[in-house]
N, C-alpha and C. Protein backbone atom coordinates (compact mmCIF):
# COMPACT_ATOMS: atom_id res chain seq x y z
N UNK A 1 20.98 17.64 76.04
CA UNK A 1 19.56 17.81 76.28
C UNK A 1 19.08 16.73 77.24
N UNK A 2 18.33 17.08 78.24
CA UNK A 2 17.83 16.11 79.22
C UNK A 2 16.56 15.43 78.70
N UNK A 3 16.28 14.27 79.28
CA UNK A 3 15.08 13.53 78.88
C UNK A 3 13.80 14.32 79.17
N UNK A 4 13.84 15.24 80.15
CA UNK A 4 12.65 16.01 80.48
C UNK A 4 12.20 16.88 79.31
N UNK A 5 13.11 17.20 78.40
CA UNK A 5 12.77 18.03 77.25
C UNK A 5 12.23 17.21 76.07
N UNK A 6 12.22 15.90 76.20
CA UNK A 6 11.74 15.04 75.13
C UNK A 6 10.36 14.53 75.52
N UNK A 7 9.43 14.68 74.62
CA UNK A 7 8.07 14.25 74.91
C UNK A 7 7.61 13.27 73.84
N UNK A 8 6.73 12.34 74.21
CA UNK A 8 6.17 11.45 73.19
C UNK A 8 5.56 12.27 72.05
N UNK A 9 5.62 11.72 70.85
CA UNK A 9 5.10 12.42 69.67
C UNK A 9 4.52 11.40 68.71
N UNK A 10 4.23 11.81 67.50
CA UNK A 10 3.61 10.89 66.54
C UNK A 10 4.53 9.77 66.09
N UNK A 11 5.84 9.88 66.36
CA UNK A 11 6.81 8.88 65.92
C UNK A 11 7.31 8.00 67.04
N UNK A 12 7.35 8.53 68.27
CA UNK A 12 7.96 7.83 69.39
C UNK A 12 7.10 8.00 70.63
N UNK A 13 6.93 6.90 71.37
CA UNK A 13 6.19 6.97 72.62
C UNK A 13 6.99 6.36 73.75
N UNK A 14 6.69 6.78 74.97
CA UNK A 14 7.28 6.19 76.16
C UNK A 14 6.56 6.74 77.38
N UNK A 15 6.67 6.02 78.47
CA UNK A 15 6.14 6.46 79.76
C UNK A 15 7.32 6.80 80.66
N UNK A 16 7.04 7.58 81.68
CA UNK A 16 8.06 7.91 82.66
C UNK A 16 8.56 6.61 83.30
N UNK A 17 9.88 6.40 83.38
CA UNK A 17 10.38 5.16 83.97
C UNK A 17 10.10 5.10 85.48
N UNK A 18 9.98 3.90 85.99
CA UNK A 18 9.69 3.69 87.40
C UNK A 18 10.76 4.33 88.29
N UNK A 19 12.02 4.21 87.88
CA UNK A 19 13.12 4.73 88.69
C UNK A 19 13.76 5.95 88.06
N UNK A 20 12.95 6.86 87.56
CA UNK A 20 13.48 8.08 86.95
C UNK A 20 14.36 8.85 87.94
N UNK A 21 13.99 8.81 89.22
CA UNK A 21 14.79 9.51 90.22
C UNK A 21 16.19 8.94 90.38
N UNK A 22 16.42 7.73 89.87
CA UNK A 22 17.75 7.10 89.91
C UNK A 22 18.47 7.19 88.57
N UNK A 23 17.89 7.92 87.63
CA UNK A 23 18.53 8.10 86.34
C UNK A 23 18.12 7.11 85.27
N UNK A 24 17.14 6.24 85.56
CA UNK A 24 16.68 5.28 84.56
C UNK A 24 16.08 6.02 83.37
N UNK A 25 16.43 5.57 82.18
CA UNK A 25 15.88 6.13 80.96
C UNK A 25 14.56 5.43 80.62
N UNK A 26 13.66 6.12 79.94
CA UNK A 26 12.40 5.47 79.57
C UNK A 26 12.58 4.48 78.43
N UNK A 27 11.62 3.56 78.32
CA UNK A 27 11.59 2.65 77.17
C UNK A 27 11.34 3.48 75.90
N UNK A 28 11.43 2.83 74.77
CA UNK A 28 11.14 3.49 73.50
C UNK A 28 10.10 2.66 72.75
N UNK A 29 9.10 3.30 72.22
CA UNK A 29 8.20 2.68 71.27
C UNK A 29 8.29 3.53 70.00
N UNK A 30 8.99 3.01 68.99
CA UNK A 30 9.12 3.72 67.71
C UNK A 30 7.99 3.22 66.82
N UNK A 31 7.02 4.09 66.61
CA UNK A 31 5.81 3.71 65.88
C UNK A 31 6.08 3.48 64.39
N UNK A 32 5.31 2.58 63.81
CA UNK A 32 5.36 2.40 62.37
C UNK A 32 4.81 3.64 61.68
N UNK A 33 5.46 4.06 60.64
CA UNK A 33 5.02 5.25 59.91
C UNK A 33 5.57 5.20 58.49
N UNK A 34 4.90 5.87 57.60
CA UNK A 34 5.36 5.98 56.22
C UNK A 34 6.11 7.30 55.99
N UNK A 35 6.33 8.07 57.03
CA UNK A 35 6.96 9.39 56.91
C UNK A 35 8.42 9.23 56.48
N UNK A 36 8.73 9.70 55.30
CA UNK A 36 10.07 9.56 54.72
C UNK A 36 11.13 10.37 55.47
N UNK A 37 10.72 11.33 56.28
CA UNK A 37 11.70 12.16 56.99
C UNK A 37 12.51 11.37 58.01
N UNK A 38 12.04 10.19 58.38
CA UNK A 38 12.75 9.38 59.37
C UNK A 38 13.88 8.55 58.75
N UNK A 39 13.91 8.46 57.43
CA UNK A 39 14.93 7.67 56.73
C UNK A 39 16.10 8.56 56.35
N UNK A 40 17.30 8.11 56.70
CA UNK A 40 18.53 8.88 56.49
C UNK A 40 19.40 8.15 55.47
N UNK A 41 19.77 8.85 54.42
CA UNK A 41 20.56 8.22 53.36
C UNK A 41 21.99 8.00 53.82
N UNK A 42 22.47 6.76 53.62
CA UNK A 42 23.86 6.41 53.91
C UNK A 42 24.70 6.38 52.64
N UNK A 43 24.12 5.84 51.59
CA UNK A 43 24.75 5.72 50.28
C UNK A 43 23.61 5.78 49.26
N UNK A 44 23.93 5.92 47.97
CA UNK A 44 22.84 5.92 46.99
C UNK A 44 21.98 4.67 47.12
N UNK A 45 20.68 4.86 47.24
CA UNK A 45 19.70 3.78 47.37
C UNK A 45 19.81 2.97 48.66
N UNK A 46 20.47 3.53 49.68
CA UNK A 46 20.62 2.88 50.99
C UNK A 46 20.28 3.89 52.08
N UNK A 47 19.28 3.56 52.92
CA UNK A 47 18.85 4.43 54.00
C UNK A 47 18.76 3.63 55.29
N UNK A 48 18.86 4.34 56.42
CA UNK A 48 18.55 3.70 57.69
C UNK A 48 17.58 4.57 58.48
N UNK A 49 16.79 3.91 59.31
CA UNK A 49 15.89 4.60 60.23
C UNK A 49 16.32 4.22 61.64
N UNK A 50 16.80 5.17 62.43
CA UNK A 50 17.23 4.84 63.79
C UNK A 50 16.05 4.43 64.66
N UNK A 51 16.27 3.42 65.50
CA UNK A 51 15.27 2.99 66.47
C UNK A 51 15.77 3.19 67.89
N UNK A 52 17.06 2.94 68.13
CA UNK A 52 17.64 3.20 69.44
C UNK A 52 19.16 3.25 69.34
N UNK A 53 19.75 4.07 70.20
CA UNK A 53 21.20 4.14 70.36
C UNK A 53 21.50 3.87 71.83
N UNK A 54 22.21 2.78 72.12
CA UNK A 54 22.59 2.44 73.48
C UNK A 54 23.98 3.01 73.73
N UNK A 55 24.05 4.09 74.49
CA UNK A 55 25.32 4.77 74.70
C UNK A 55 26.19 4.08 75.74
N UNK A 56 25.65 3.09 76.44
CA UNK A 56 26.45 2.32 77.39
C UNK A 56 27.23 1.23 76.68
N UNK A 57 26.58 0.52 75.77
CA UNK A 57 27.23 -0.61 75.09
C UNK A 57 27.79 -0.23 73.72
N UNK A 58 27.32 0.89 73.15
CA UNK A 58 27.73 1.26 71.80
C UNK A 58 26.90 0.60 70.72
N UNK A 59 25.90 -0.18 71.11
CA UNK A 59 25.06 -0.85 70.13
C UNK A 59 23.93 0.07 69.68
N UNK A 60 23.32 -0.31 68.57
CA UNK A 60 22.12 0.41 68.14
C UNK A 60 21.21 -0.53 67.34
N UNK A 61 19.95 -0.13 67.25
CA UNK A 61 18.96 -0.85 66.45
C UNK A 61 18.48 0.08 65.35
N UNK A 62 18.26 -0.48 64.19
CA UNK A 62 17.84 0.32 63.04
C UNK A 62 17.03 -0.53 62.09
N UNK A 63 16.31 0.17 61.23
CA UNK A 63 15.77 -0.44 60.03
C UNK A 63 16.69 -0.01 58.90
N UNK A 64 17.10 -0.96 58.07
CA UNK A 64 17.90 -0.65 56.89
C UNK A 64 17.02 -0.89 55.68
N UNK A 65 17.00 0.08 54.77
CA UNK A 65 16.22 -0.03 53.54
C UNK A 65 17.19 0.14 52.37
N UNK A 66 17.14 -0.80 51.46
CA UNK A 66 17.98 -0.74 50.25
C UNK A 66 17.07 -0.97 49.06
N UNK A 67 17.23 -0.11 48.06
CA UNK A 67 16.38 -0.19 46.87
C UNK A 67 17.23 -0.27 45.61
N UNK A 68 16.63 -0.86 44.57
CA UNK A 68 17.09 -0.80 43.19
C UNK A 68 18.61 -0.88 42.99
N UNK A 69 19.16 -2.00 43.35
CA UNK A 69 20.58 -2.20 43.09
C UNK A 69 21.49 -1.49 44.08
N UNK A 70 20.94 -1.04 45.18
CA UNK A 70 21.76 -0.38 46.20
C UNK A 70 22.77 -1.33 46.81
N UNK A 71 23.91 -0.77 47.23
CA UNK A 71 24.98 -1.56 47.82
C UNK A 71 25.45 -0.85 49.09
N UNK A 72 25.53 -1.59 50.19
CA UNK A 72 26.15 -1.08 51.40
C UNK A 72 27.60 -1.52 51.34
N UNK A 73 28.48 -0.55 51.25
CA UNK A 73 29.91 -0.78 51.04
C UNK A 73 30.46 -1.90 51.93
N UNK A 74 31.47 -2.57 51.41
CA UNK A 74 32.16 -3.66 52.11
C UNK A 74 32.54 -3.20 53.52
N UNK A 75 32.19 -4.05 54.50
CA UNK A 75 32.42 -3.66 55.89
C UNK A 75 32.60 -4.88 56.80
N UNK A 76 33.09 -4.59 58.01
CA UNK A 76 33.30 -5.62 59.03
C UNK A 76 32.68 -5.14 60.34
N UNK A 77 32.15 -6.10 61.09
CA UNK A 77 31.59 -5.82 62.41
C UNK A 77 32.48 -6.46 63.47
N UNK A 78 33.09 -5.66 64.37
CA UNK A 78 33.86 -6.25 65.46
C UNK A 78 32.98 -6.89 66.54
N UNK A 79 31.67 -6.62 66.48
CA UNK A 79 30.70 -7.15 67.45
C UNK A 79 29.60 -7.88 66.69
N UNK A 80 28.83 -8.72 67.37
CA UNK A 80 27.77 -9.46 66.69
C UNK A 80 26.68 -8.55 66.12
N UNK A 81 26.04 -9.06 65.08
CA UNK A 81 24.91 -8.39 64.45
C UNK A 81 23.79 -9.41 64.30
N UNK A 82 22.57 -8.96 64.59
CA UNK A 82 21.39 -9.80 64.39
C UNK A 82 20.46 -9.05 63.44
N UNK A 83 19.88 -9.77 62.50
CA UNK A 83 18.98 -9.14 61.55
C UNK A 83 17.73 -9.97 61.32
N UNK A 84 16.64 -9.29 61.01
CA UNK A 84 15.39 -9.96 60.65
C UNK A 84 14.83 -9.24 59.44
N UNK A 85 14.65 -9.97 58.34
CA UNK A 85 14.18 -9.39 57.08
C UNK A 85 12.67 -9.20 57.15
N UNK A 86 12.25 -7.95 57.05
CA UNK A 86 10.83 -7.60 57.10
C UNK A 86 10.21 -7.65 55.71
N UNK A 87 10.96 -7.17 54.73
CA UNK A 87 10.43 -7.05 53.37
C UNK A 87 11.55 -7.31 52.37
N UNK A 88 11.22 -7.99 51.29
CA UNK A 88 12.16 -8.16 50.18
C UNK A 88 13.23 -9.20 50.44
N UNK A 89 14.35 -9.02 49.75
CA UNK A 89 15.46 -9.97 49.87
C UNK A 89 16.77 -9.24 49.60
N UNK A 90 17.84 -9.79 50.13
CA UNK A 90 19.17 -9.23 49.93
C UNK A 90 20.20 -10.34 50.09
N UNK A 91 21.42 -10.01 49.73
CA UNK A 91 22.49 -11.00 49.82
C UNK A 91 23.82 -10.28 50.05
N UNK A 92 24.81 -11.08 50.41
CA UNK A 92 26.18 -10.58 50.51
C UNK A 92 26.94 -11.08 49.29
N UNK A 93 27.72 -10.21 48.69
CA UNK A 93 28.50 -10.61 47.52
C UNK A 93 29.47 -11.76 47.86
N UNK A 94 29.88 -11.83 49.11
CA UNK A 94 30.87 -12.81 49.53
C UNK A 94 30.28 -14.17 49.93
N UNK A 95 28.96 -14.31 49.90
CA UNK A 95 28.32 -15.55 50.36
C UNK A 95 27.35 -16.10 49.31
N UNK A 96 26.97 -17.36 49.48
CA UNK A 96 26.09 -18.02 48.51
C UNK A 96 24.61 -17.89 48.86
N UNK A 97 24.28 -17.55 50.10
CA UNK A 97 22.88 -17.53 50.54
C UNK A 97 22.23 -16.18 50.27
N UNK A 98 20.90 -16.20 50.31
CA UNK A 98 20.10 -14.98 50.15
C UNK A 98 19.12 -14.90 51.32
N UNK A 99 19.03 -13.73 51.93
CA UNK A 99 18.09 -13.50 53.04
C UNK A 99 16.78 -12.99 52.44
N UNK A 100 15.69 -13.68 52.73
CA UNK A 100 14.38 -13.31 52.20
C UNK A 100 13.45 -12.92 53.36
N UNK A 101 12.32 -12.33 53.02
CA UNK A 101 11.36 -11.89 54.04
C UNK A 101 11.08 -13.03 55.02
N UNK A 102 11.17 -12.71 56.32
CA UNK A 102 10.97 -13.70 57.36
C UNK A 102 12.24 -14.38 57.82
N UNK A 103 13.36 -14.12 57.16
CA UNK A 103 14.64 -14.75 57.53
C UNK A 103 15.30 -14.02 58.68
N UNK A 104 15.98 -14.80 59.53
CA UNK A 104 16.82 -14.27 60.59
C UNK A 104 18.27 -14.47 60.16
N UNK A 105 19.11 -13.45 60.40
CA UNK A 105 20.52 -13.52 60.04
C UNK A 105 21.36 -13.19 61.27
N UNK A 106 22.36 -14.04 61.56
CA UNK A 106 23.34 -13.75 62.60
C UNK A 106 24.69 -13.55 61.93
N UNK A 107 25.36 -12.46 62.27
CA UNK A 107 26.68 -12.18 61.73
C UNK A 107 27.68 -12.19 62.89
N UNK A 108 28.61 -13.14 62.89
CA UNK A 108 29.58 -13.20 63.99
C UNK A 108 30.59 -12.06 63.89
N UNK A 109 31.21 -11.71 65.01
CA UNK A 109 32.24 -10.67 64.97
C UNK A 109 33.34 -11.05 63.99
N UNK A 110 33.80 -10.06 63.23
CA UNK A 110 34.87 -10.27 62.26
C UNK A 110 34.39 -10.54 60.85
N UNK A 111 33.12 -10.81 60.68
CA UNK A 111 32.54 -11.08 59.37
C UNK A 111 32.73 -9.87 58.45
N UNK A 112 33.23 -10.11 57.23
CA UNK A 112 33.41 -9.05 56.23
C UNK A 112 32.46 -9.34 55.08
N UNK A 113 31.70 -8.33 54.67
CA UNK A 113 30.72 -8.56 53.61
C UNK A 113 30.28 -7.25 52.97
N UNK A 114 29.62 -7.40 51.82
CA UNK A 114 29.08 -6.29 51.04
C UNK A 114 27.62 -6.60 50.77
N UNK A 115 26.72 -5.83 51.38
CA UNK A 115 25.29 -6.09 51.23
C UNK A 115 24.79 -5.49 49.92
N UNK A 116 24.01 -6.26 49.19
CA UNK A 116 23.48 -5.78 47.92
C UNK A 116 22.04 -6.25 47.72
N UNK A 117 21.31 -5.45 46.97
CA UNK A 117 19.93 -5.76 46.59
C UNK A 117 19.87 -5.67 45.07
N UNK A 118 19.22 -6.63 44.45
CA UNK A 118 19.12 -6.63 42.99
C UNK A 118 18.37 -5.41 42.47
N UNK A 119 18.55 -5.10 41.20
CA UNK A 119 18.05 -3.87 40.59
C UNK A 119 16.55 -3.63 40.75
N UNK A 120 15.76 -4.69 40.73
CA UNK A 120 14.31 -4.49 40.75
C UNK A 120 13.69 -4.72 42.12
N UNK A 121 14.49 -4.87 43.16
CA UNK A 121 13.99 -5.20 44.48
C UNK A 121 14.12 -4.05 45.47
N UNK A 122 13.39 -4.17 46.58
CA UNK A 122 13.55 -3.31 47.75
C UNK A 122 13.51 -4.21 48.97
N UNK A 123 14.39 -3.94 49.92
CA UNK A 123 14.35 -4.70 51.16
C UNK A 123 14.31 -3.75 52.34
N UNK A 124 13.70 -4.23 53.42
CA UNK A 124 13.76 -3.57 54.72
C UNK A 124 14.09 -4.65 55.73
N UNK A 125 15.15 -4.42 56.50
CA UNK A 125 15.60 -5.38 57.50
C UNK A 125 15.83 -4.67 58.83
N UNK A 126 15.37 -5.28 59.90
CA UNK A 126 15.69 -4.81 61.24
C UNK A 126 17.06 -5.36 61.60
N UNK A 127 17.95 -4.48 62.08
CA UNK A 127 19.27 -4.91 62.54
C UNK A 127 19.53 -4.43 63.96
N UNK A 128 20.07 -5.34 64.77
CA UNK A 128 20.70 -4.99 66.04
C UNK A 128 22.19 -5.07 65.76
N UNK A 129 22.89 -3.96 65.89
CA UNK A 129 24.32 -3.89 65.59
C UNK A 129 25.04 -3.65 66.92
N UNK A 130 25.86 -4.63 67.32
CA UNK A 130 26.46 -4.64 68.65
C UNK A 130 27.58 -3.65 68.89
N UNK A 131 27.95 -2.86 67.90
CA UNK A 131 29.04 -1.89 68.07
C UNK A 131 29.30 -1.17 66.77
N UNK A 132 30.52 -0.75 66.59
CA UNK A 132 30.92 0.00 65.41
C UNK A 132 30.87 -0.86 64.15
N UNK A 133 30.82 -0.19 63.01
CA UNK A 133 30.93 -0.83 61.69
C UNK A 133 32.19 -0.25 61.06
N UNK A 134 33.07 -1.13 60.58
CA UNK A 134 34.31 -0.70 59.95
C UNK A 134 34.19 -0.87 58.44
N UNK A 135 34.13 0.22 57.70
CA UNK A 135 34.06 0.16 56.24
C UNK A 135 35.46 -0.01 55.71
N UNK A 136 35.60 -0.87 54.69
CA UNK A 136 36.92 -1.29 54.24
C UNK A 136 37.04 -1.23 52.72
N UNK A 137 38.28 -0.99 52.28
CA UNK A 137 38.56 -1.06 50.85
C UNK A 137 38.90 -2.51 50.48
N UNK A 138 39.23 -2.73 49.22
CA UNK A 138 39.51 -4.09 48.75
C UNK A 138 40.79 -4.68 49.33
N UNK A 139 41.64 -3.82 49.92
CA UNK A 139 42.88 -4.30 50.55
C UNK A 139 42.74 -4.44 52.06
N UNK A 140 41.51 -4.42 52.55
CA UNK A 140 41.18 -4.56 53.97
C UNK A 140 41.65 -3.39 54.84
N UNK A 141 41.87 -2.23 54.22
CA UNK A 141 42.17 -1.02 54.97
C UNK A 141 40.85 -0.38 55.41
N UNK A 142 40.78 0.03 56.66
CA UNK A 142 39.58 0.69 57.16
C UNK A 142 39.54 2.11 56.60
N UNK A 143 38.44 2.42 55.93
CA UNK A 143 38.27 3.74 55.31
C UNK A 143 37.33 4.65 56.09
N UNK A 144 36.48 4.03 56.93
CA UNK A 144 35.52 4.81 57.71
C UNK A 144 35.04 3.97 58.89
N UNK A 145 34.92 4.58 60.05
CA UNK A 145 34.37 3.91 61.22
C UNK A 145 33.02 4.56 61.52
N UNK A 146 31.99 3.73 61.53
CA UNK A 146 30.64 4.21 61.82
C UNK A 146 30.28 3.73 63.23
N UNK A 147 30.03 4.68 64.12
CA UNK A 147 29.64 4.33 65.49
C UNK A 147 28.46 5.21 65.90
N UNK A 148 27.99 5.03 67.11
CA UNK A 148 26.83 5.80 67.57
C UNK A 148 27.07 7.30 67.53
N UNK A 149 28.26 7.74 67.89
CA UNK A 149 28.55 9.17 67.89
C UNK A 149 28.37 9.75 66.49
N UNK A 150 28.96 9.11 65.49
CA UNK A 150 28.83 9.58 64.11
C UNK A 150 27.40 9.46 63.58
N UNK A 151 26.73 8.36 63.91
CA UNK A 151 25.36 8.18 63.44
C UNK A 151 24.42 9.21 64.07
N UNK A 152 24.62 9.50 65.34
CA UNK A 152 23.78 10.51 65.99
C UNK A 152 24.00 11.88 65.35
N UNK A 153 25.25 12.21 65.04
CA UNK A 153 25.51 13.49 64.37
C UNK A 153 24.85 13.52 62.99
N UNK A 154 24.94 12.41 62.26
CA UNK A 154 24.28 12.32 60.96
C UNK A 154 22.77 12.52 61.11
N UNK A 155 22.19 11.90 62.13
CA UNK A 155 20.75 12.05 62.40
C UNK A 155 20.42 13.50 62.73
N UNK A 156 21.23 14.14 63.57
CA UNK A 156 20.99 15.54 63.95
C UNK A 156 20.92 16.42 62.69
N UNK A 157 21.90 16.26 61.81
CA UNK A 157 21.94 17.06 60.59
C UNK A 157 20.73 16.78 59.70
N UNK A 158 20.40 15.52 59.54
CA UNK A 158 19.27 15.14 58.69
C UNK A 158 17.96 15.65 59.26
N UNK A 159 17.71 15.39 60.55
CA UNK A 159 16.44 15.79 61.15
C UNK A 159 16.28 17.30 61.16
N UNK A 160 17.36 18.03 61.29
CA UNK A 160 17.30 19.50 61.20
C UNK A 160 16.88 19.91 59.78
N UNK A 161 17.52 19.29 58.79
CA UNK A 161 17.26 19.61 57.38
C UNK A 161 15.81 19.33 56.97
N UNK A 162 15.20 18.26 57.52
CA UNK A 162 13.84 17.88 57.11
C UNK A 162 12.76 18.48 58.00
N UNK A 163 13.14 19.34 58.93
CA UNK A 163 12.16 20.07 59.73
C UNK A 163 11.73 19.43 61.04
N UNK A 164 12.33 18.32 61.42
CA UNK A 164 12.01 17.70 62.71
C UNK A 164 12.82 18.31 63.85
N UNK A 165 13.90 18.99 63.51
CA UNK A 165 14.78 19.59 64.51
C UNK A 165 15.91 18.66 64.87
N UNK A 166 17.09 19.22 65.06
CA UNK A 166 18.28 18.42 65.37
C UNK A 166 18.10 17.58 66.63
N UNK A 167 17.41 18.10 67.63
CA UNK A 167 17.24 17.38 68.88
C UNK A 167 16.25 16.22 68.80
N UNK A 168 15.59 16.04 67.67
CA UNK A 168 14.67 14.92 67.50
C UNK A 168 15.37 13.59 67.75
N UNK A 169 16.66 13.51 67.42
CA UNK A 169 17.41 12.27 67.61
C UNK A 169 17.48 11.86 69.08
N UNK A 170 17.31 12.82 69.98
CA UNK A 170 17.35 12.51 71.43
C UNK A 170 16.31 11.47 71.81
N UNK A 171 15.23 11.38 71.03
CA UNK A 171 14.20 10.38 71.30
C UNK A 171 14.73 8.96 71.29
N UNK A 172 15.82 8.72 70.61
CA UNK A 172 16.33 7.38 70.39
C UNK A 172 17.56 7.05 71.23
N UNK A 173 18.09 8.01 71.96
CA UNK A 173 19.34 7.82 72.71
C UNK A 173 19.03 7.34 74.12
N UNK A 174 19.66 6.26 74.51
CA UNK A 174 19.51 5.72 75.87
C UNK A 174 20.86 5.41 76.45
């Protein structure tokens, strides 16, 4: 689908780029909203909201929401990750620190961890993820690779199911 078929809407805004004739993609403004249709379940009590998919670098930006004892399975990042906690608190089972609202987190490449939120809490964190996420078992075997291609397909299926249309994800692809 070409960018000409994507128009600003109640969730996403942008203006025509200055160099559209050279193939430049428009900026993205992902508006704040309470609409639950934008949240995609990854695991029980774990959702993400896509903000952008950079198809040149393989990176993406998202909001991650974890509620009531949710756990994001043990994983490793081959590329850097930056996070900013917007709401609540969370921790990694493998570390002693806790990220609270207003905290910035840097995860170096190779870091292995399991994100968890306590039973009575909810957190929302902005993440810039510099590449794929490798989900791992307890023996360090990779069980699943999550990258932009897979996440975009997951978004297509979800957005179709909730009535936004499969092509809604195109708003976030650059």
